[in-house]
């Protein structure tokens, strides 16, 4: 079993613990107003920022998730102008996505059983049903450009995901600065996609 639900605060602490020492050694400072965000000058009068944030929908019965964001701004802009921006997962290569899929599959297999009040939703041909089924997929597959959330339930999950992020983050940030990131794609079944998601393809 995976133990009790890990709050967002606990998961953020794991991210800060895993990323913080490397970030400080590389000259990064904490991103004000974020729980797990850092920034530093990126060269050419530019500033590099990255952060991990929890999703707005949280349910202790099924878990929570983080998503990562990386962006480049003109020096001194402080959020008023963004030169480039990318989801963290779009900065990963296929081998790293495969590693993340293996970790996520392990987390999914040990996730507490789906609560009864959500079982009908999980069988529905809907966005919610698609999402709920993905949480219990024992062998997920991620492709280049897929915007992947880091889904966790217990503290062990949060620790494993934080360790993964810390391991791939340096190279991911290098790729972002070099402009070597994948174009975002959406893997939701086409008939379930809201019209606004069609702009991702």
C-alpha atoms as a PDB file:
ATOM      1  CA  UNK A   1       0.000   0.000   0.000  1.00  0.00           C
ATOM      2  CA  UNK A   2       1.020   3.548  -0.594  1.00  0.00           C
ATOM      3  CA  UNK A   3       0.049   4.963   2.798  1.00  0.00           C
ATOM      4  CA  UNK A   4      -1.997   8.053   3.375  1.00  0.00           C
ATOM      5  CA  UNK A   5      -2.566  10.889   0.967  1.00  0.00           C
ATOM      6  CA  UNK A   6       0.284  13.382   0.627  1.00  0.00           C
ATOM      7  CA  UNK A   7      -0.878  16.973   0.729  1.00  0.00           C
ATOM      8  CA  UNK A   8       0.324  19.474  -1.854  1.00  0.00           C
ATOM      9  CA  UNK A   9       2.460  21.069   0.860  1.00  0.00           C
ATOM     10  CA  UNK A  10       4.241  17.781   1.511  1.00  0.00           C
ATOM     11  CA  UNK A  11       4.795  17.196  -2.201  1.00  0.00           C
ATOM     12  CA  UNK A  12       6.211  20.708  -2.601  1.00  0.00           C
ATOM     13  CA  UNK A  13       8.646  20.022   0.234  1.00  0.00           C
ATOM     14  CA  UNK A  14       9.887  16.954  -1.622  1.00  0.00           C
ATOM     15  CA  UNK A  15      10.431  19.015  -4.774  1.00  0.00           C
ATOM     16  CA  UNK A  16      12.274  21.745  -2.872  1.00  0.00           C
ATOM     17  CA  UNK A  17      14.426  19.162  -1.113  1.00  0.00           C
ATOM     18  CA  UNK A  18      15.310  17.394  -4.367  1.00  0.00           C
ATOM     19  CA  UNK A  19      15.842  20.458  -6.566  1.00  0.00           C
ATOM     20  CA  UNK A  20      16.947  23.129  -4.099  1.00  0.00           C
ATOM     21  CA  UNK A  21      20.604  22.115  -3.512  1.00  0.00           C
ATOM     22  CA  UNK A  22      21.321  21.849  -7.234  1.00  0.00           C
ATOM     23  CA  UNK A  23      19.472  25.083  -7.969  1.00  0.00           C
ATOM     24  CA  UNK A  24      21.420  27.025  -5.332  1.00  0.00           C
ATOM     25  CA  UNK A  25      24.722  25.614  -6.562  1.00  0.00           C
ATOM     26  CA  UNK A  26      23.865  26.760 -10.090  1.00  0.00           C
ATOM     27  CA  UNK A  27      23.032  30.307  -9.009  1.00  0.00           C
ATOM     28  CA  UNK A  28      19.232  30.013  -9.037  1.00  0.00           C
ATOM     29  CA  UNK A  29      17.066  31.899  -6.581  1.00  0.00           C
ATOM     30  CA  UNK A  30      13.565  31.024  -5.457  1.00  0.00           C
ATOM     31  CA  UNK A  31      10.765  32.389  -7.653  1.00  0.00           C
ATOM     32  CA  UNK A  32       8.755  34.698  -5.375  1.00  0.00           C
ATOM     33  CA  UNK A  33       5.138  33.693  -4.949  1.00  0.00           C
ATOM     34  CA  UNK A  34       5.699  30.036  -5.922  1.00  0.00           C
ATOM     35  CA  UNK A  35       6.001  26.917  -3.783  1.00  0.00           C
ATOM     36  CA  UNK A  36       8.569  25.216  -6.011  1.00  0.00           C
ATOM     37  CA  UNK A  37       9.978  27.707  -8.510  1.00  0.00           C
ATOM     38  CA  UNK A  38      13.420  29.120  -9.251  1.00  0.00           C
ATOM     39  CA  UNK A  39      15.015  31.676 -11.577  1.00  0.00           C
ATOM     40  CA  UNK A  40      18.379  33.021 -12.683  1.00  0.00           C
ATOM     41  CA  UNK A  41      19.884  35.078 -15.524  1.00  0.00           C
ATOM     42  CA  UNK A  42      19.968  32.948 -18.673  1.00  0.00           C
ATOM     43  CA  UNK A  43      22.469  35.000 -20.704  1.00  0.00           C
ATOM     44  CA  UNK A  44      21.942  37.520 -23.514  1.00  0.00           C
ATOM     45  CA  UNK A  45      20.100  39.848 -21.095  1.00  0.00           C
ATOM     46  CA  UNK A  46      17.488  37.149 -20.523  1.00  0.00           C
ATOM     47  CA  UNK A  47      16.094  35.521 -17.395  1.00  0.00           C
ATOM     48  CA  UNK A  48      15.238  31.810 -17.049  1.00  0.00           C
ATOM     49  CA  UNK A  49      12.337  30.796 -14.810  1.00  0.00           C
ATOM     50  CA  UNK A  50      10.911  27.371 -13.968  1.00  0.00           C
ATOM     51  CA  UNK A  51       8.316  26.133 -11.506  1.00  0.00           C
ATOM     52  CA  UNK A  52       6.138  23.184 -10.550  1.00  0.00           C
ATOM     53  CA  UNK A  53       2.559  23.805  -9.462  1.00  0.00           C
ATOM     54  CA  UNK A  54      -0.284  21.657  -8.223  1.00  0.00           C
ATOM     55  CA  UNK A  55      -3.409  21.232 -10.266  1.00  0.00           C
ATOM     56  CA  UNK A  56      -6.437  23.209  -9.112  1.00  0.00           C
ATOM     57  CA  UNK A  57      -8.600  20.059  -8.693  1.00  0.00           C
ATOM     58  CA  UNK A  58      -7.533  17.980  -5.682  1.00  0.00           C
ATOM     59  CA  UNK A  59      -9.225  14.850  -4.367  1.00  0.00           C
ATOM     60  CA  UNK A  60      -7.518  12.981  -1.501  1.00  0.00           C
ATOM     61  CA  UNK A  61      -9.293   9.784  -2.589  1.00  0.00           C
ATOM     62  CA  UNK A  62      -7.458   9.674  -5.919  1.00  0.00           C
ATOM     63  CA  UNK A  63      -4.544  12.088  -5.475  1.00  0.00           C
ATOM     64  CA  UNK A  64      -3.083  15.283  -6.847  1.00  0.00           C
ATOM     65  CA  UNK A  65      -0.560  16.254  -9.487  1.00  0.00           C
ATOM     66  CA  UNK A  66       2.126  18.736 -10.421  1.00  0.00           C
ATOM     67  CA  UNK A  67       2.763  20.274 -13.793  1.00  0.00           C
ATOM     68  CA  UNK A  68       5.989  22.026 -14.734  1.00  0.00           C
ATOM     69  CA  UNK A  69       6.545  25.242 -16.661  1.00  0.00           C
ATOM     70  CA  UNK A  70       9.723  26.788 -18.065  1.00  0.00           C
ATOM     71  CA  UNK A  71       9.930  30.279 -19.497  1.00  0.00           C
ATOM     72  CA  UNK A  72      12.418  32.881 -20.717  1.00  0.00           C
ATOM     73  CA  UNK A  73      11.910  36.587 -20.158  1.00  0.00           C
ATOM     74  CA  UNK A  74      13.857  39.753 -20.886  1.00  0.00           C
ATOM     75  CA  UNK A  75      15.984  40.695 -17.867  1.00  0.00           C
ATOM     76  CA  UNK A  76      13.959  42.866 -15.515  1.00  0.00           C
ATOM     77  CA  UNK A  77      10.600  41.974 -17.057  1.00  0.00           C
ATOM     78  CA  UNK A  78       9.355  40.072 -13.952  1.00  0.00           C
ATOM     79  CA  UNK A  79       6.459  38.427 -15.734  1.00  0.00           C
ATOM     80  CA  UNK A  80       5.443  41.388 -17.862  1.00  0.00           C
ATOM     81  CA  UNK A  81       6.938  39.929 -21.053  1.00  0.00           C
ATOM     82  CA  UNK A  82       7.605  36.297 -21.988  1.00  0.00           C
ATOM     83  CA  UNK A  83       9.969  35.473 -24.836  1.00  0.00           C
ATOM     84  CA  UNK A  84       9.396  31.698 -24.812  1.00  0.00           C
ATOM     85  CA  UNK A  85       7.474  29.272 -22.658  1.00  0.00           C
ATOM     86  CA  UNK A  86       7.143  25.484 -22.560  1.00  0.00           C
ATOM     87  CA  UNK A  87       5.629  22.734 -20.472  1.00  0.00           C
ATOM     88  CA  UNK A  88       8.358  20.885 -18.588  1.00  0.00           C
ATOM     89  CA  UNK A  89       7.439  17.580 -20.220  1.00  0.00           C
ATOM     90  CA  UNK A  90       7.987  19.078 -23.687  1.00  0.00           C
ATOM     91  CA  UNK A  91      11.639  19.601 -22.709  1.00  0.00           C
ATOM     92  CA  UNK A  92      12.149  15.844 -22.207  1.00  0.00           C
ATOM     93  CA  UNK A  93      13.468  13.347 -24.739  1.00  0.00           C
ATOM     94  CA  UNK A  94      11.759  10.024 -25.366  1.00  0.00           C
ATOM     95  CA  UNK A  95      14.065   8.031 -23.079  1.00  0.00           C
ATOM     96  CA  UNK A  96      13.195  10.361 -20.193  1.00  0.00           C
ATOM     97  CA  UNK A  97       9.488  10.148 -20.979  1.00  0.00           C
ATOM     98  CA  UNK A  98       9.796   6.361 -20.977  1.00  0.00           C
ATOM     99  CA  UNK A  99      11.465   6.521 -17.560  1.00  0.00           C
ATOM    100  CA  UNK A 100       8.679   8.771 -16.292  1.00  0.00           C
ATOM    101  CA  UNK A 101       6.072   6.377 -17.693  1.00  0.00           C
ATOM    102  CA  UNK A 102       7.625   3.493 -15.745  1.00  0.00           C
ATOM    103  CA  UNK A 103       7.562   5.533 -12.531  1.00  0.00           C
ATOM    104  CA  UNK A 104       3.989   6.653 -13.177  1.00  0.00           C
ATOM    105  CA  UNK A 105       2.928   3.080 -13.888  1.00  0.00           C
ATOM    106  CA  UNK A 106       4.329   1.957 -10.540  1.00  0.00           C
ATOM    107  CA  UNK A 107       2.468   4.780  -8.790  1.00  0.00           C
ATOM    108  CA  UNK A 108      -0.748   3.922 -10.616  1.00  0.00           C
ATOM    109  CA  UNK A 109      -0.531   0.260  -9.642  1.00  0.00           C
ATOM    110  CA  UNK A 110      -0.280   1.059  -5.943  1.00  0.00           C
ATOM    111  CA  UNK A 111      -2.824   3.898  -5.928  1.00  0.00           C
ATOM    112  CA  UNK A 112      -5.722   3.198  -3.524  1.00  0.00           C
ATOM    113  CA  UNK A 113      -8.766   1.695  -5.195  1.00  0.00           C
ATOM    114  CA  UNK A 114     -11.061   4.014  -7.047  1.00  0.00           C
ATOM    115  CA  UNK A 115     -13.807   5.091  -4.609  1.00  0.00           C
ATOM    116  CA  UNK A 116     -17.291   3.831  -5.316  1.00  0.00           C
ATOM    117  CA  UNK A 117     -18.756   7.252  -5.990  1.00  0.00           C
ATOM    118  CA  UNK A 118     -16.385   7.691  -8.951  1.00  0.00           C
ATOM    119  CA  UNK A 119     -16.761   4.269 -10.575  1.00  0.00           C
ATOM    120  CA  UNK A 120     -19.605   5.304 -12.850  1.00  0.00           C
ATOM    121  CA  UNK A 121     -17.642   8.369 -13.953  1.00  0.00           C
ATOM    122  CA  UNK A 122     -14.600   6.199 -14.668  1.00  0.00           C
ATOM    123  CA  UNK A 123     -16.547   4.116 -17.185  1.00  0.00           C
ATOM    124  CA  UNK A 124     -18.048   7.114 -18.993  1.00  0.00           C
ATOM    125  CA  UNK A 125     -16.901   8.128 -22.455  1.00  0.00           C
ATOM    126  CA  UNK A 126     -15.979  11.587 -21.224  1.00  0.00           C
ATOM    127  CA  UNK A 127     -12.969  13.738 -20.356  1.00  0.00           C
ATOM    128  CA  UNK A 128     -13.420  12.858 -16.686  1.00  0.00           C
ATOM    129  CA  UNK A 129     -13.668   9.164 -17.463  1.00  0.00           C
ATOM    130  CA  UNK A 130     -10.567   9.340 -19.660  1.00  0.00           C
ATOM    131  CA  UNK A 131      -8.661  11.084 -16.859  1.00  0.00           C
ATOM    132  CA  UNK A 132      -9.777   8.681 -14.133  1.00  0.00           C
ATOM    133  CA  UNK A 133      -8.841   5.646 -16.207  1.00  0.00           C
ATOM    134  CA  UNK A 134      -5.388   7.127 -16.831  1.00  0.00           C
ATOM    135  CA  UNK A 135      -4.752   7.292 -13.072  1.00  0.00           C
ATOM    136  CA  UNK A 136      -5.007   3.498 -12.867  1.00  0.00           C
ATOM    137  CA  UNK A 137      -3.194   2.622 -16.086  1.00  0.00           C
ATOM    138  CA  UNK A 138      -0.433   0.192 -15.010  1.00  0.00           C
ATOM    139  CA  UNK A 139       1.663   0.807 -18.115  1.00  0.00           C
ATOM    140  CA  UNK A 140       1.171   4.343 -19.465  1.00  0.00           C
ATOM    141  CA  UNK A 141       3.010   5.497 -22.569  1.00  0.00           C
ATOM    142  CA  UNK A 142       4.079   9.089 -23.146  1.00  0.00           C
ATOM    143  CA  UNK A 143       5.105  10.571 -26.483  1.00  0.00           C
ATOM    144  CA  UNK A 144       7.257  13.536 -27.425  1.00  0.00           C
ATOM    145  CA  UNK A 145       5.372  16.787 -26.938  1.00  0.00           C
ATOM    146  CA  UNK A 146       2.765  15.275 -24.643  1.00  0.00           C
ATOM    147  CA  UNK A 147       1.927  17.582 -21.740  1.00  0.00           C
ATOM    148  CA  UNK A 148       2.340  15.189 -18.836  1.00  0.00           C
ATOM    149  CA  UNK A 149       1.264  15.909 -15.275  1.00  0.00           C
ATOM    150  CA  UNK A 150       3.137  14.233 -12.431  1.00  0.00           C
ATOM    151  CA  UNK A 151       0.364  12.298 -10.683  1.00  0.00           C
ATOM    152  CA  UNK A 152       0.820  11.199  -7.071  1.00  0.00           C
ATOM    153  CA  UNK A 153      -1.170   9.993  -4.089  1.00  0.00           C
ATOM    154  CA  UNK A 154       1.199   9.138  -1.245  1.00  0.00           C
ATOM    155  CA  UNK A 155       4.468  10.571  -0.006  1.00  0.00           C
ATOM    156  CA  UNK A 156       6.519   7.807  -1.644  1.00  0.00           C
ATOM    157  CA  UNK A 157       4.987   8.812  -4.982  1.00  0.00           C
ATOM    158  CA  UNK A 158       5.881  12.461  -4.446  1.00  0.00           C
ATOM    159  CA  UNK A 159       9.459  11.527  -3.517  1.00  0.00           C
ATOM    160  CA  UNK A 160       9.947   9.324  -6.564  1.00  0.00           C
ATOM    161  CA  UNK A 161       8.609  12.007  -8.894  1.00  0.00           C
ATOM    162  CA  UNK A 162      10.746  14.700  -7.235  1.00  0.00           C
ATOM    163  CA  UNK A 163      13.850  12.530  -7.658  1.00  0.00           C
ATOM    164  CA  UNK A 164      13.009  12.028 -11.329  1.00  0.00           C
ATOM    165  CA  UNK A 165      12.552  15.761 -11.868  1.00  0.00           C
ATOM    166  CA  UNK A 166      15.846  16.550 -10.145  1.00  0.00           C
ATOM    167  CA  UNK A 167      17.646  13.981 -12.296  1.00  0.00           C
ATOM    168  CA  UNK A 168      16.423  15.249 -15.676  1.00  0.00           C
ATOM    169  CA  UNK A 169      16.012  18.945 -14.911  1.00  0.00           C
ATOM    170  CA  UNK A 170      19.530  20.193 -15.774  1.00  0.00           C
ATOM    171  CA  UNK A 171      19.463  18.771 -19.293  1.00  0.00           C
ATOM    172  CA  UNK A 172      15.823  19.722 -19.803  1.00  0.00           C
ATOM    173  CA  UNK A 173      16.640  23.357 -19.030  1.00  0.00           C
ATOM    174  CA  UNK A 174      19.613  23.227 -21.402  1.00  0.00           C
ATOM    175  CA  UNK A 175      17.356  21.976 -24.195  1.00  0.00           C
ATOM    176  CA  UNK A 176      14.885  24.749 -23.487  1.00  0.00           C
ATOM    177  CA  UNK A 177      17.600  27.415 -23.697  1.00  0.00           C
ATOM    178  CA  UNK A 178      18.884  25.844 -26.921  1.00  0.00           C
ATOM    179  CA  UNK A 179      15.362  25.818 -28.383  1.00  0.00           C
ATOM    180  CA  UNK A 180      15.299  22.022 -28.609  1.00  0.00           C
ATOM    181  CA  UNK A 181      11.833  21.339 -27.223  1.00  0.00           C
ATOM    182  CA  UNK A 182       8.987  19.316 -28.672  1.00  0.00           C
ATOM    183  CA  UNK A 183       5.889  20.974 -30.056  1.00  0.00           C
ATOM    184  CA  UNK A 184       2.964  20.221 -27.728  1.00  0.00           C
ATOM    185  CA  UNK A 185       0.514  17.542 -28.788  1.00  0.00           C
ATOM    186  CA  UNK A 186      -2.728  16.398 -27.213  1.00  0.00           C
ATOM    187  CA  UNK A 187      -3.344  12.674 -26.772  1.00  0.00           C
ATOM    188  CA  UNK A 188      -6.970  12.943 -25.662  1.00  0.00           C
ATOM    189  CA  UNK A 189      -9.276  10.930 -27.957  1.00  0.00           C
ATOM    190  CA  UNK A 190     -10.351  13.311 -30.705  1.00  0.00           C
ATOM    191  CA  UNK A 191     -14.080  12.983 -30.014  1.00  0.00           C
ATOM    192  CA  UNK A 192     -13.553  14.109 -26.404  1.00  0.00           C
ATOM    193  CA  UNK A 193     -11.491  17.187 -27.129  1.00  0.00           C
ATOM    194  CA  UNK A 194     -13.021  20.598 -26.471  1.00  0.00           C
ATOM    195  CA  UNK A 195     -12.699  22.867 -29.486  1.00  0.00           C
ATOM    196  CA  UNK A 196     -10.046  25.002 -27.808  1.00  0.00           C
ATOM    197  CA  UNK A 197      -7.718  21.985 -27.457  1.00  0.00           C
ATOM    198  CA  UNK A 198      -7.553  21.609 -31.245  1.00  0.00           C
ATOM    199  CA  UNK A 199      -5.016  24.460 -31.291  1.00  0.00           C
ATOM    200  CA  UNK A 200      -2.421  22.159 -29.651  1.00  0.00           C
ATOM    201  CA  UNK A 201      -2.039  19.940 -32.737  1.00  0.00           C
END
